[in-house]
Amino acid sequence: MDVSEPISALSADHRSAAFRAGVADATIAVTRAEAAEAYARALGTSPSYVQWHAMRAVWIDGYHSVKAKSTVNAGDKAFERFARYLNELFGLERPKAASPAAEKKAVQREAAKAALVEKYKSVDLPSAIEAQYQRLAKRPSDTVAEKKLSELKKAAAIMEKERVSALKERVSALKEGIRDALKVVVDIEALEAVLETLQAARPDEGEEA
């Protein structure tokens, strides 16, 4: 008997089926992790109770768009599994419901921010802030200028935060689009061009990405 070749109890069909099953399972795991990462980025590290449940509702809509025949309860249970996965990967936890008074204050704060942005959206804020500083330099006791300066600086901070947030969302969406394209693109020249462009755009070590 020749023992140089290993004896396999599997037929070619068995081996092919087992291999495809392994590939499919790994693909599902990778896709699930990517979906969780994208969801976590969109949700943020400290979502409010309202944000959490709004995102949850949209997630469940997406779930039912694929599993159209599933029950409402199935969608709820699927999200609970997903929420546990988010907690395992990123430590995200379901926020507790705020009291009615806290919710009312939160709404008032957001309305005040929106009003401030609307008031100063067409103003050259750096110049306006500088003008108030100059006014205070001449009259340090000028409470009107002091109040105006505080309001301008607050408006500038809100607008900057919104700008950075919008930029991060745009970058996140573009990265996700690139990842999706990379799964199906097989044109070597195109891939090399993309890689070269991305490598050239990489920030230097220590620089913020």
N, C-alpha and C. Protein backbone atom coordinates (compact mmCIF):
# COMPACT_ATOMS: atom_id res chain seq x y z
N MET A 1 0.86 -1.21 0.00
CA MET A 1 0.00 0.00 0.00
C MET A 1 0.88 1.25 0.00
N ASP A 2 0.58 2.19 -0.89
CA ASP A 2 1.35 3.43 -0.99
C ASP A 2 0.82 4.43 0.03
N VAL A 3 1.66 4.78 1.01
CA VAL A 3 1.20 5.71 2.05
C VAL A 3 1.74 7.12 1.83
N SER A 4 2.33 7.34 0.67
CA SER A 4 2.90 8.66 0.39
C SER A 4 1.81 9.71 0.18
N GLU A 5 0.61 9.29 -0.26
CA GLU A 5 -0.51 10.22 -0.47
C GLU A 5 -1.51 10.07 0.67
N PRO A 6 -1.94 11.18 1.29
CA PRO A 6 -2.92 11.08 2.38
C PRO A 6 -4.26 10.58 1.85
N ILE A 7 -4.91 9.78 2.65
CA ILE A 7 -6.21 9.24 2.27
C ILE A 7 -7.28 10.22 2.75
N SER A 8 -8.15 10.65 1.87
CA SER A 8 -9.21 11.59 2.22
C SER A 8 -10.56 10.90 2.16
N ALA A 9 -11.34 11.12 3.21
CA ALA A 9 -12.68 10.54 3.24
C ALA A 9 -13.69 11.45 2.55
N LEU A 10 -13.20 12.60 2.07
CA LEU A 10 -14.10 13.58 1.45
C LEU A 10 -14.00 13.53 -0.06
N SER A 11 -15.15 13.65 -0.68
CA SER A 11 -15.16 13.76 -2.13
C SER A 11 -14.85 15.21 -2.50
N ALA A 12 -14.63 15.45 -3.78
CA ALA A 12 -14.38 16.82 -4.24
C ALA A 12 -15.56 17.73 -3.92
N ASP A 13 -16.78 17.22 -4.06
CA ASP A 13 -17.98 18.01 -3.76
C ASP A 13 -18.04 18.37 -2.28
N HIS A 14 -17.69 17.39 -1.42
CA HIS A 14 -17.70 17.67 0.02
C HIS A 14 -16.70 18.77 0.37
N ARG A 15 -15.50 18.65 -0.18
CA ARG A 15 -14.46 19.63 0.10
C ARG A 15 -14.86 21.02 -0.40
N SER A 16 -15.46 21.05 -1.60
CA SER A 16 -15.89 22.33 -2.17
C SER A 16 -16.97 22.97 -1.32
N ALA A 17 -17.93 22.14 -0.88
CA ALA A 17 -19.02 22.67 -0.05
C ALA A 17 -18.49 23.19 1.28
N ALA A 18 -17.56 22.46 1.89
CA ALA A 18 -17.00 22.87 3.18
C ALA A 18 -16.21 24.16 3.03
N PHE A 19 -15.44 24.26 1.96
CA PHE A 19 -14.64 25.47 1.72
C PHE A 19 -15.54 26.68 1.51
N ARG A 20 -16.57 26.51 0.67
CA ARG A 20 -17.49 27.63 0.41
C ARG A 20 -18.20 28.07 1.68
N ALA A 21 -18.54 27.09 2.55
CA ALA A 21 -19.21 27.43 3.80
C ALA A 21 -18.28 28.25 4.70
N GLY A 22 -16.99 27.88 4.73
CA GLY A 22 -16.03 28.64 5.52
C GLY A 22 -15.86 30.06 5.00
N VAL A 23 -15.78 30.18 3.67
CA VAL A 23 -15.66 31.50 3.05
C VAL A 23 -16.89 32.35 3.35
N ALA A 24 -18.08 31.74 3.22
CA ALA A 24 -19.33 32.47 3.46
C ALA A 24 -19.42 32.95 4.90
N ASP A 25 -19.03 32.07 5.84
CA ASP A 25 -19.10 32.44 7.25
C ASP A 25 -18.14 33.59 7.56
N ALA A 26 -16.92 33.51 7.01
CA ALA A 26 -15.95 34.58 7.23
C ALA A 26 -16.43 35.88 6.61
N THR A 27 -17.04 35.79 5.42
CA THR A 27 -17.56 36.98 4.74
C THR A 27 -18.65 37.66 5.57
N ILE A 28 -19.53 36.82 6.14
CA ILE A 28 -20.61 37.35 6.98
C ILE A 28 -20.02 38.06 8.19
N ALA A 29 -18.99 37.44 8.80
CA ALA A 29 -18.36 38.03 9.99
C ALA A 29 -17.71 39.37 9.66
N VAL A 30 -17.03 39.43 8.52
CA VAL A 30 -16.36 40.68 8.11
C VAL A 30 -17.41 41.75 7.81
N THR A 31 -18.45 41.37 7.07
CA THR A 31 -19.51 42.32 6.72
C THR A 31 -20.21 42.84 7.98
N ARG A 32 -20.43 41.93 8.92
CA ARG A 32 -21.09 42.31 10.17
C ARG A 32 -20.23 43.30 10.95
N ALA A 33 -18.93 43.03 11.00
CA ALA A 33 -18.02 43.93 11.72
C ALA A 33 -17.97 45.30 11.05
N GLU A 34 -17.95 45.32 9.72
CA GLU A 34 -17.92 46.59 8.99
C GLU A 34 -19.21 47.37 9.22
N ALA A 35 -20.35 46.64 9.23
CA ALA A 35 -21.64 47.30 9.46
C ALA A 35 -21.69 47.88 10.88
N ALA A 36 -21.18 47.12 11.85
CA ALA A 36 -21.17 47.60 13.24
C ALA A 36 -20.28 48.83 13.38
N GLU A 37 -19.14 48.83 12.70
CA GLU A 37 -18.22 49.97 12.78
C GLU A 37 -18.86 51.23 12.19
N ALA A 38 -19.52 51.06 11.03
CA ALA A 38 -20.17 52.20 10.39
C ALA A 38 -21.30 52.74 11.27
N TYR A 39 -22.06 51.83 11.87
CA TYR A 39 -23.17 52.22 12.75
C TYR A 39 -22.63 52.97 13.97
N ALA A 40 -21.54 52.43 14.56
CA ALA A 40 -20.97 53.04 15.76
C ALA A 40 -20.42 54.43 15.46
N ARG A 41 -19.81 54.59 14.28
CA ARG A 41 -19.29 55.91 13.90
C ARG A 41 -20.44 56.91 13.78
N ALA A 42 -21.53 56.47 13.16
CA ALA A 42 -22.68 57.36 12.97
C ALA A 42 -23.34 57.70 14.31
N LEU A 43 -23.40 56.72 15.20
CA LEU A 43 -24.07 56.90 16.49
C LEU A 43 -23.26 57.79 17.43
N GLY A 44 -21.93 57.65 17.38
CA GLY A 44 -21.09 58.42 18.28
C GLY A 44 -20.87 57.72 19.61
N THR A 45 -19.99 58.27 20.41
CA THR A 45 -19.62 57.60 21.66
C THR A 45 -20.57 57.89 22.82
N SER A 46 -21.34 58.95 22.73
CA SER A 46 -22.26 59.27 23.83
C SER A 46 -23.62 59.71 23.28
N PRO A 47 -24.34 58.81 22.62
CA PRO A 47 -25.64 59.17 22.05
C PRO A 47 -26.68 59.43 23.14
N SER A 48 -27.63 60.26 22.82
CA SER A 48 -28.74 60.49 23.74
C SER A 48 -29.73 59.33 23.63
N TYR A 49 -30.65 59.28 24.56
CA TYR A 49 -31.70 58.26 24.54
C TYR A 49 -32.50 58.36 23.24
N VAL A 50 -32.80 59.59 22.83
CA VAL A 50 -33.59 59.80 21.60
C VAL A 50 -32.80 59.35 20.37
N GLN A 51 -31.51 59.70 20.32
CA GLN A 51 -30.68 59.31 19.18
C GLN A 51 -30.56 57.79 19.08
N TRP A 52 -30.35 57.14 20.21
CA TRP A 52 -30.22 55.68 20.22
C TRP A 52 -31.45 55.02 19.61
N HIS A 53 -32.63 55.45 20.08
CA HIS A 53 -33.86 54.80 19.62
C HIS A 53 -34.23 55.21 18.18
N ALA A 54 -33.83 56.40 17.77
CA ALA A 54 -34.06 56.79 16.37
C ALA A 54 -33.21 55.93 15.44
N MET A 55 -31.95 55.73 15.81
CA MET A 55 -31.05 54.87 15.02
C MET A 55 -31.55 53.43 15.04
N ARG A 56 -32.02 52.99 16.17
CA ARG A 56 -32.56 51.63 16.31
C ARG A 56 -33.72 51.40 15.35
N ALA A 57 -34.63 52.39 15.29
CA ALA A 57 -35.80 52.26 14.41
C ALA A 57 -35.39 52.15 12.95
N VAL A 58 -34.40 52.95 12.54
CA VAL A 58 -33.94 52.90 11.15
C VAL A 58 -33.23 51.57 10.87
N TRP A 59 -32.44 51.10 11.84
CA TRP A 59 -31.76 49.80 11.70
C TRP A 59 -32.78 48.69 11.46
N ILE A 60 -33.84 48.70 12.25
CA ILE A 60 -34.88 47.67 12.12
C ILE A 60 -35.59 47.78 10.77
N ASP A 61 -35.78 49.01 10.29
CA ASP A 61 -36.36 49.19 8.95
C ASP A 61 -35.47 48.52 7.90
N GLY A 62 -34.15 48.73 8.05
CA GLY A 62 -33.21 48.11 7.12
C GLY A 62 -33.26 46.59 7.19
N TYR A 63 -33.38 46.08 8.40
CA TYR A 63 -33.46 44.63 8.61
C TYR A 63 -34.69 44.06 7.89
N HIS A 64 -35.83 44.72 8.08
CA HIS A 64 -37.07 44.22 7.47
C HIS A 64 -37.08 44.42 5.95
N SER A 65 -36.27 45.36 5.44
CA SER A 65 -36.22 45.54 3.98
C SER A 65 -35.58 44.33 3.30
N VAL A 66 -34.76 43.59 4.04
CA VAL A 66 -34.14 42.37 3.51
C VAL A 66 -34.98 41.15 3.88
N LYS A 67 -35.37 41.11 5.16
CA LYS A 67 -36.20 39.99 5.63
C LYS A 67 -37.65 40.48 5.74
N ALA A 68 -38.24 40.65 4.58
CA ALA A 68 -39.57 41.27 4.52
C ALA A 68 -40.65 40.44 5.21
N LYS A 69 -40.46 39.14 5.28
CA LYS A 69 -41.48 38.26 5.86
C LYS A 69 -41.29 38.06 7.36
N SER A 70 -40.26 38.65 7.92
CA SER A 70 -40.01 38.46 9.35
C SER A 70 -41.00 39.28 10.18
N THR A 71 -41.22 38.85 11.40
CA THR A 71 -42.17 39.53 12.28
C THR A 71 -41.53 40.74 12.92
N VAL A 72 -42.36 41.59 13.52
CA VAL A 72 -41.86 42.75 14.24
C VAL A 72 -40.97 42.30 15.38
N ASN A 73 -41.38 41.24 16.06
CA ASN A 73 -40.60 40.71 17.17
C ASN A 73 -39.23 40.24 16.72
N ALA A 74 -39.16 39.67 15.53
CA ALA A 74 -37.88 39.19 15.00
C ALA A 74 -36.92 40.36 14.79
N GLY A 75 -37.44 41.48 14.29
CA GLY A 75 -36.62 42.66 14.10
C GLY A 75 -36.10 43.19 15.43
N ASP A 76 -36.96 43.19 16.45
CA ASP A 76 -36.55 43.66 17.78
C ASP A 76 -35.44 42.77 18.35
N LYS A 77 -35.62 41.46 18.21
CA LYS A 77 -34.62 40.52 18.73
C LYS A 77 -33.30 40.64 17.96
N ALA A 78 -33.40 40.85 16.65
CA ALA A 78 -32.19 41.01 15.83
C ALA A 78 -31.40 42.23 16.28
N PHE A 79 -32.11 43.32 16.59
CA PHE A 79 -31.39 44.51 17.05
C PHE A 79 -30.77 44.29 18.42
N GLU A 80 -31.43 43.54 19.29
CA GLU A 80 -30.86 43.25 20.60
C GLU A 80 -29.54 42.51 20.45
N ARG A 81 -29.48 41.57 19.51
CA ARG A 81 -28.22 40.85 19.24
C ARG A 81 -27.17 41.83 18.72
N PHE A 82 -27.60 42.71 17.83
CA PHE A 82 -26.68 43.70 17.26
C PHE A 82 -26.18 44.66 18.34
N ALA A 83 -27.06 45.05 19.25
CA ALA A 83 -26.68 45.96 20.34
C ALA A 83 -25.64 45.30 21.25
N ARG A 84 -25.81 44.01 21.51
CA ARG A 84 -24.81 43.29 22.32
C ARG A 84 -23.47 43.24 21.60
N TYR A 85 -23.52 43.09 20.29
CA TYR A 85 -22.30 43.06 19.48
C TYR A 85 -21.61 44.43 19.52
N LEU A 86 -22.38 45.50 19.44
CA LEU A 86 -21.82 46.86 19.55
C LEU A 86 -21.13 47.05 20.90
N ASN A 87 -21.75 46.51 21.93
CA ASN A 87 -21.16 46.62 23.26
C ASN A 87 -19.85 45.84 23.36
N GLU A 88 -19.83 44.65 22.75
CA GLU A 88 -18.61 43.83 22.77
C GLU A 88 -17.47 44.52 22.03
N LEU A 89 -17.78 45.10 20.87
CA LEU A 89 -16.74 45.71 20.04
C LEU A 89 -16.31 47.08 20.53
N PHE A 90 -17.29 47.91 20.89
CA PHE A 90 -16.99 49.33 21.14
C PHE A 90 -17.40 49.82 22.53
N GLY A 91 -18.01 48.94 23.32
CA GLY A 91 -18.43 49.36 24.66
C GLY A 91 -19.64 50.27 24.67
N LEU A 92 -20.38 50.32 23.55
CA LEU A 92 -21.57 51.17 23.49
C LEU A 92 -22.70 50.56 24.31
N GLU A 93 -23.35 51.40 25.09
CA GLU A 93 -24.47 50.94 25.92
C GLU A 93 -25.71 51.78 25.65
N ARG A 94 -26.86 51.13 25.83
CA ARG A 94 -28.12 51.84 25.63
C ARG A 94 -28.26 52.95 26.68
N PRO A 95 -28.47 54.20 26.24
CA PRO A 95 -28.63 55.30 27.22
C PRO A 95 -29.95 55.16 27.98
N LYS A 96 -29.93 55.66 29.20
CA LYS A 96 -31.16 55.66 29.99
C LYS A 96 -32.05 56.82 29.56
N ALA A 97 -33.34 56.61 29.72
CA ALA A 97 -34.29 57.67 29.36
C ALA A 97 -34.11 58.86 30.29
N ALA A 98 -34.11 60.04 29.71
CA ALA A 98 -33.98 61.26 30.51
C ALA A 98 -35.34 61.62 31.11
N SER A 99 -35.30 62.37 32.19
CA SER A 99 -36.54 62.83 32.80
C SER A 99 -37.20 63.85 31.87
N PRO A 100 -38.52 64.04 31.99
CA PRO A 100 -39.19 65.05 31.15
C PRO A 100 -38.56 66.43 31.26
N ALA A 101 -38.12 66.79 32.47
CA ALA A 101 -37.51 68.11 32.67
C ALA A 101 -36.18 68.20 31.92
N ALA A 102 -35.40 67.10 31.98
CA ALA A 102 -34.10 67.09 31.30
C ALA A 102 -34.29 67.14 29.79
N GLU A 103 -35.30 66.40 29.31
CA GLU A 103 -35.59 66.41 27.87
C GLU A 103 -36.00 67.80 27.41
N LYS A 104 -36.80 68.47 28.23
CA LYS A 104 -37.26 69.82 27.88
C LYS A 104 -36.08 70.77 27.81
N LYS A 105 -35.15 70.66 28.77
CA LYS A 105 -33.97 71.52 28.77
C LYS A 105 -33.09 71.25 27.56
N ALA A 106 -32.97 69.96 27.20
CA ALA A 106 -32.15 69.59 26.04
C ALA A 106 -32.72 70.20 24.76
N VAL A 107 -34.05 70.16 24.65
CA VAL A 107 -34.71 70.75 23.47
C VAL A 107 -34.48 72.25 23.43
N GLN A 108 -34.57 72.88 24.60
CA GLN A 108 -34.36 74.33 24.68
C GLN A 108 -32.92 74.70 24.31
N ARG A 109 -31.95 73.89 24.76
CA ARG A 109 -30.55 74.14 24.43
C ARG A 109 -30.30 74.05 22.93
N GLU A 110 -30.88 73.01 22.31
CA GLU A 110 -30.71 72.84 20.86
C GLU A 110 -31.36 73.98 20.09
N ALA A 111 -32.53 74.45 20.57
CA ALA A 111 -33.22 75.56 19.91
C ALA A 111 -32.39 76.85 20.03
N ALA A 112 -31.77 77.03 21.20
CA ALA A 112 -30.95 78.23 21.40
C ALA A 112 -29.72 78.19 20.50
N LYS A 113 -29.10 77.02 20.35
CA LYS A 113 -27.95 76.87 19.46
C LYS A 113 -28.34 77.17 18.01
N ALA A 114 -29.48 76.63 17.60
CA ALA A 114 -29.94 76.85 16.22
C ALA A 114 -30.20 78.34 15.97
N ALA A 115 -30.78 79.01 16.95
CA ALA A 115 -31.07 80.45 16.82
C ALA A 115 -29.77 81.25 16.72
N LEU A 116 -28.77 80.84 17.49
CA LEU A 116 -27.49 81.54 17.48
C LEU A 116 -26.79 81.37 16.12
N VAL A 117 -26.83 80.16 15.59
CA VAL A 117 -26.22 79.89 14.28
C VAL A 117 -26.93 80.70 13.20
N GLU A 118 -28.25 80.74 13.27
CA GLU A 118 -29.03 81.48 12.28
C GLU A 118 -28.70 82.98 12.35
N LYS A 119 -28.50 83.48 13.56
CA LYS A 119 -28.22 84.91 13.76
C LYS A 119 -26.87 85.31 13.16
N TYR A 120 -25.88 84.41 13.26
CA TYR A 120 -24.52 84.78 12.86
C TYR A 120 -23.99 84.02 11.64
N LYS A 121 -24.86 83.30 10.94
CA LYS A 121 -24.39 82.46 9.84
C LYS A 121 -23.76 83.28 8.70
N SER A 122 -24.17 84.53 8.55
CA SER A 122 -23.63 85.37 7.47
C SER A 122 -22.59 86.36 7.97
N VAL A 123 -22.19 86.23 9.22
CA VAL A 123 -21.25 87.18 9.82
C VAL A 123 -19.83 86.63 9.72
N ASP A 124 -18.87 87.53 9.45
CA ASP A 124 -17.45 87.16 9.49
C ASP A 124 -17.06 87.10 10.97
N LEU A 125 -17.17 85.92 11.56
CA LEU A 125 -16.99 85.81 13.01
C LEU A 125 -15.59 86.18 13.51
N PRO A 126 -14.51 85.75 12.83
CA PRO A 126 -13.18 86.16 13.32
C PRO A 126 -13.03 87.67 13.41
N SER A 127 -13.53 88.38 12.39
CA SER A 127 -13.44 89.85 12.39
C SER A 127 -14.31 90.45 13.48
N ALA A 128 -15.51 89.88 13.65
CA ALA A 128 -16.43 90.40 14.67
C ALA A 128 -15.86 90.18 16.07
N ILE A 129 -15.25 89.03 16.29
CA ILE A 129 -14.64 88.73 17.59
C ILE A 129 -13.47 89.68 17.86
N GLU A 130 -12.64 89.89 16.84
CA GLU A 130 -11.50 90.80 16.97
C GLU A 130 -11.97 92.21 17.31
N ALA A 131 -13.08 92.62 16.69
CA ALA A 131 -13.60 93.97 16.93
C ALA A 131 -14.02 94.13 18.39
N GLN A 132 -14.62 93.10 18.97
CA GLN A 132 -15.04 93.17 20.37
C GLN A 132 -13.84 93.18 21.31
N TYR A 133 -12.80 92.41 20.95
CA TYR A 133 -11.58 92.43 21.76
C TYR A 133 -10.96 93.84 21.77
N GLN A 134 -10.95 94.49 20.60
CA GLN A 134 -10.40 95.84 20.51
C GLN A 134 -11.24 96.82 21.33
N ARG A 135 -12.55 96.62 21.28
CA ARG A 135 -13.45 97.50 22.05
C ARG A 135 -13.20 97.34 23.55
N LEU A 136 -12.98 96.07 23.98
CA LEU A 136 -12.72 95.81 25.40
C LEU A 136 -11.34 96.31 25.82
N ALA A 137 -10.39 96.30 24.88
CA ALA A 137 -9.05 96.81 25.19
C ALA A 137 -9.11 98.29 25.53
N LYS A 138 -10.02 99.00 24.86
CA LYS A 138 -10.17 100.43 25.10
C LYS A 138 -10.99 100.69 26.36
N ARG A 139 -12.01 99.83 26.56
CA ARG A 139 -12.88 100.00 27.72
C ARG A 139 -13.13 98.63 28.37
N PRO A 140 -12.23 98.18 29.24
CA PRO A 140 -12.36 96.86 29.87
C PRO A 140 -13.66 96.65 30.64
N SER A 141 -14.28 97.73 31.05
CA SER A 141 -15.52 97.62 31.83
C SER A 141 -16.77 97.60 30.94
N ASP A 142 -16.58 97.53 29.63
CA ASP A 142 -17.70 97.56 28.69
C ASP A 142 -18.43 96.21 28.73
N THR A 143 -19.49 96.13 29.53
CA THR A 143 -20.22 94.87 29.71
C THR A 143 -20.98 94.46 28.44
N VAL A 144 -21.39 95.46 27.64
CA VAL A 144 -22.08 95.14 26.39
C VAL A 144 -21.13 94.40 25.44
N ALA A 145 -19.91 94.94 25.32
CA ALA A 145 -18.91 94.31 24.46
C ALA A 145 -18.54 92.92 24.97
N GLU A 146 -18.46 92.80 26.30
CA GLU A 146 -18.11 91.52 26.91
C GLU A 146 -19.19 90.46 26.61
N LYS A 147 -20.45 90.87 26.73
CA LYS A 147 -21.55 89.95 26.45
C LYS A 147 -21.58 89.57 24.97
N LYS A 148 -21.36 90.59 24.11
CA LYS A 148 -21.34 90.34 22.66
C LYS A 148 -20.21 89.39 22.29
N LEU A 149 -19.05 89.59 22.89
CA LEU A 149 -17.90 88.72 22.61
C LEU A 149 -18.20 87.28 23.01
N SER A 150 -18.80 87.11 24.17
CA SER A 150 -19.15 85.76 24.64
C SER A 150 -20.11 85.07 23.66
N GLU A 151 -21.09 85.82 23.17
CA GLU A 151 -22.08 85.28 22.24
C GLU A 151 -21.42 84.90 20.91
N LEU A 152 -20.54 85.77 20.42
CA LEU A 152 -19.85 85.51 19.16
C LEU A 152 -18.96 84.27 19.26
N LYS A 153 -18.24 84.16 20.37
CA LYS A 153 -17.35 83.01 20.56
C LYS A 153 -18.15 81.71 20.67
N LYS A 154 -19.30 81.79 21.30
CA LYS A 154 -20.16 80.61 21.41
C LYS A 154 -20.68 80.19 20.04
N ALA A 155 -21.09 81.17 19.24
CA ALA A 155 -21.58 80.88 17.89
C ALA A 155 -20.47 80.26 17.05
N ALA A 156 -19.26 80.81 17.17
CA ALA A 156 -18.12 80.29 16.41
C ALA A 156 -17.83 78.85 16.80
N ALA A 157 -17.90 78.55 18.10
CA ALA A 157 -17.63 77.18 18.58
C ALA A 157 -18.67 76.19 18.06
N ILE A 158 -19.93 76.61 18.06
CA ILE A 158 -21.01 75.73 17.56
C ILE A 158 -20.82 75.45 16.08
N MET A 159 -20.53 76.50 15.31
CA MET A 159 -20.37 76.34 13.86
C MET A 159 -19.15 75.47 13.54
N GLU A 160 -18.08 75.65 14.30
CA GLU A 160 -16.87 74.84 14.06
C GLU A 160 -17.16 73.37 14.37
N LYS A 161 -17.87 73.12 15.44
CA LYS A 161 -18.22 71.75 15.80
C LYS A 161 -19.08 71.11 14.71
N GLU A 162 -20.04 71.87 14.17
CA GLU A 162 -20.90 71.36 13.10
C GLU A 162 -20.09 71.10 11.84
N ARG A 163 -19.13 72.00 11.55
CA ARG A 163 -18.29 71.83 10.36
C ARG A 163 -17.45 70.56 10.46
N VAL A 164 -16.83 70.36 11.63
CA VAL A 164 -15.99 69.18 11.83
C VAL A 164 -16.83 67.91 11.77
N SER A 165 -18.02 67.96 12.37
CA SER A 165 -18.91 66.79 12.36
C SER A 165 -19.33 66.44 10.93
N ALA A 166 -19.67 67.45 10.14
CA ALA A 166 -20.07 67.21 8.74
C ALA A 166 -18.90 66.66 7.94
N LEU A 167 -17.71 67.16 8.21
CA LEU A 167 -16.51 66.69 7.51
C LEU A 167 -16.25 65.22 7.84
N LYS A 168 -16.37 64.87 9.12
CA LYS A 168 -16.15 63.48 9.54
C LYS A 168 -17.16 62.54 8.89
N GLU A 169 -18.42 62.99 8.81
CA GLU A 169 -19.45 62.17 8.18
C GLU A 169 -19.15 61.96 6.70
N ARG A 170 -18.67 63.01 6.04
CA ARG A 170 -18.32 62.92 4.62
C ARG A 170 -17.16 61.96 4.41
N VAL A 171 -16.13 62.09 5.24
CA VAL A 171 -14.97 61.20 5.14
C VAL A 171 -15.39 59.75 5.40
N SER A 172 -16.23 59.55 6.40
CA SER A 172 -16.70 58.21 6.74
C SER A 172 -17.47 57.59 5.57
N ALA A 173 -18.34 58.39 4.94
CA ALA A 173 -19.11 57.89 3.80
C ALA A 173 -18.21 57.54 2.62
N LEU A 174 -17.21 58.38 2.38
CA LEU A 174 -16.28 58.11 1.27
C LEU A 174 -15.47 56.85 1.54
N LYS A 175 -15.00 56.68 2.76
CA LYS A 175 -14.23 55.48 3.10
C LYS A 175 -15.08 54.23 2.93
N GLU A 176 -16.34 54.33 3.33
CA GLU A 176 -17.22 53.17 3.17
C GLU A 176 -17.45 52.85 1.70
N GLY A 177 -17.60 53.90 0.89
CA GLY A 177 -17.76 53.70 -0.54
C GLY A 177 -16.54 53.04 -1.16
N ILE A 178 -15.35 53.46 -0.70
CA ILE A 178 -14.11 52.87 -1.20
C ILE A 178 -14.02 51.40 -0.81
N ARG A 179 -14.37 51.10 0.45
CA ARG A 179 -14.33 49.70 0.90
C ARG A 179 -15.27 48.83 0.07
N ASP A 180 -16.47 49.35 -0.20
CA ASP A 180 -17.43 48.59 -1.00
C ASP A 180 -16.90 48.34 -2.41
N ALA A 181 -16.28 49.38 -3.00
CA ALA A 181 -15.74 49.25 -4.36
C ALA A 181 -14.60 48.24 -4.40
N LEU A 182 -13.77 48.25 -3.36
CA LEU A 182 -12.62 47.35 -3.34
C LEU A 182 -13.03 45.87 -3.30
N LYS A 183 -14.24 45.62 -2.83
CA LYS A 183 -14.70 44.23 -2.76
C LYS A 183 -14.97 43.64 -4.15
N VAL A 184 -15.25 44.51 -5.12
CA VAL A 184 -15.65 44.00 -6.45
C VAL A 184 -14.71 44.39 -7.58
N VAL A 185 -13.92 45.44 -7.39
CA VAL A 185 -13.03 45.90 -8.45
C VAL A 185 -11.85 44.94 -8.59
N VAL A 186 -11.57 44.50 -9.84
CA VAL A 186 -10.45 43.59 -10.08
C VAL A 186 -9.45 44.17 -11.10
N ASP A 187 -9.71 45.38 -11.55
CA ASP A 187 -8.82 46.04 -12.49
C ASP A 187 -7.55 46.47 -11.76
N ILE A 188 -6.43 45.81 -12.10
CA ILE A 188 -5.18 46.05 -11.37
C ILE A 188 -4.70 47.49 -11.53
N GLU A 189 -4.81 48.04 -12.74
CA GLU A 189 -4.35 49.41 -12.95
C GLU A 189 -5.16 50.39 -12.11
N ALA A 190 -6.45 50.16 -12.06
CA ALA A 190 -7.32 51.04 -11.25
C ALA A 190 -6.96 50.93 -9.78
N LEU A 191 -6.74 49.71 -9.31
CA LEU A 191 -6.39 49.50 -7.90
C LEU A 191 -5.03 50.12 -7.57
N GLU A 192 -4.09 49.97 -8.47
CA GLU A 192 -2.77 50.57 -8.25
C GLU A 192 -2.85 52.09 -8.20
N ALA A 193 -3.70 52.67 -9.08
CA ALA A 193 -3.86 54.13 -9.11
C ALA A 193 -4.48 54.61 -7.80
N VAL A 194 -5.48 53.88 -7.31
CA VAL A 194 -6.13 54.25 -6.05
C VAL A 194 -5.14 54.16 -4.90
N LEU A 195 -4.38 53.04 -4.86
CA LEU A 195 -3.41 52.85 -3.80
C LEU A 195 -2.35 53.96 -3.80
N GLU A 196 -1.88 54.31 -4.99
CA GLU A 196 -0.86 55.36 -5.10
C GLU A 196 -1.41 56.70 -4.61
N THR A 197 -2.65 56.99 -4.99
CA THR A 197 -3.27 58.25 -4.57
C THR A 197 -3.45 58.30 -3.06
N LEU A 198 -3.92 57.19 -2.48
CA LEU A 198 -4.16 57.15 -1.04
C LEU A 198 -2.85 57.21 -0.25
N GLN A 199 -1.84 56.52 -0.74
CA GLN A 199 -0.55 56.57 -0.06
C GLN A 199 0.05 57.97 -0.08
N ALA A 200 -0.12 58.66 -1.21
CA ALA A 200 0.39 60.03 -1.32
C ALA A 200 -0.36 60.98 -0.39
N ALA A 201 -1.63 60.65 -0.11
CA ALA A 201 -2.46 61.53 0.74
C ALA A 201 -2.35 61.20 2.22
N ARG A 202 -1.63 60.12 2.54
CA ARG A 202 -1.50 59.75 3.96
C ARG A 202 -0.79 60.84 4.74
N PRO A 203 -1.33 61.17 5.92
CA PRO A 203 -0.66 62.20 6.73
C PRO A 203 0.65 61.66 7.28
N ASP A 204 1.58 62.56 7.53
CA ASP A 204 2.84 62.15 8.13
C ASP A 204 2.59 61.62 9.53
N GLU A 205 3.51 60.79 9.99
CA GLU A 205 3.36 60.20 11.33
C GLU A 205 3.28 61.30 12.38
N GLY A 206 2.27 61.17 13.22
CA GLY A 206 2.09 62.20 14.25
C GLY A 206 1.09 63.25 13.83
N GLU A 207 0.79 63.30 12.53
CA GLU A 207 -0.20 64.26 12.03
C GLU A 207 -1.58 63.67 12.20
N GLU A 208 -2.56 64.49 12.43
CA GLU A 208 -3.93 64.00 12.57
C GLU A 208 -4.47 63.62 11.21
N ALA A 209 -5.10 62.42 11.15
CA ALA A 209 -5.66 61.94 9.88
C ALA A 209 -6.92 62.69 9.53
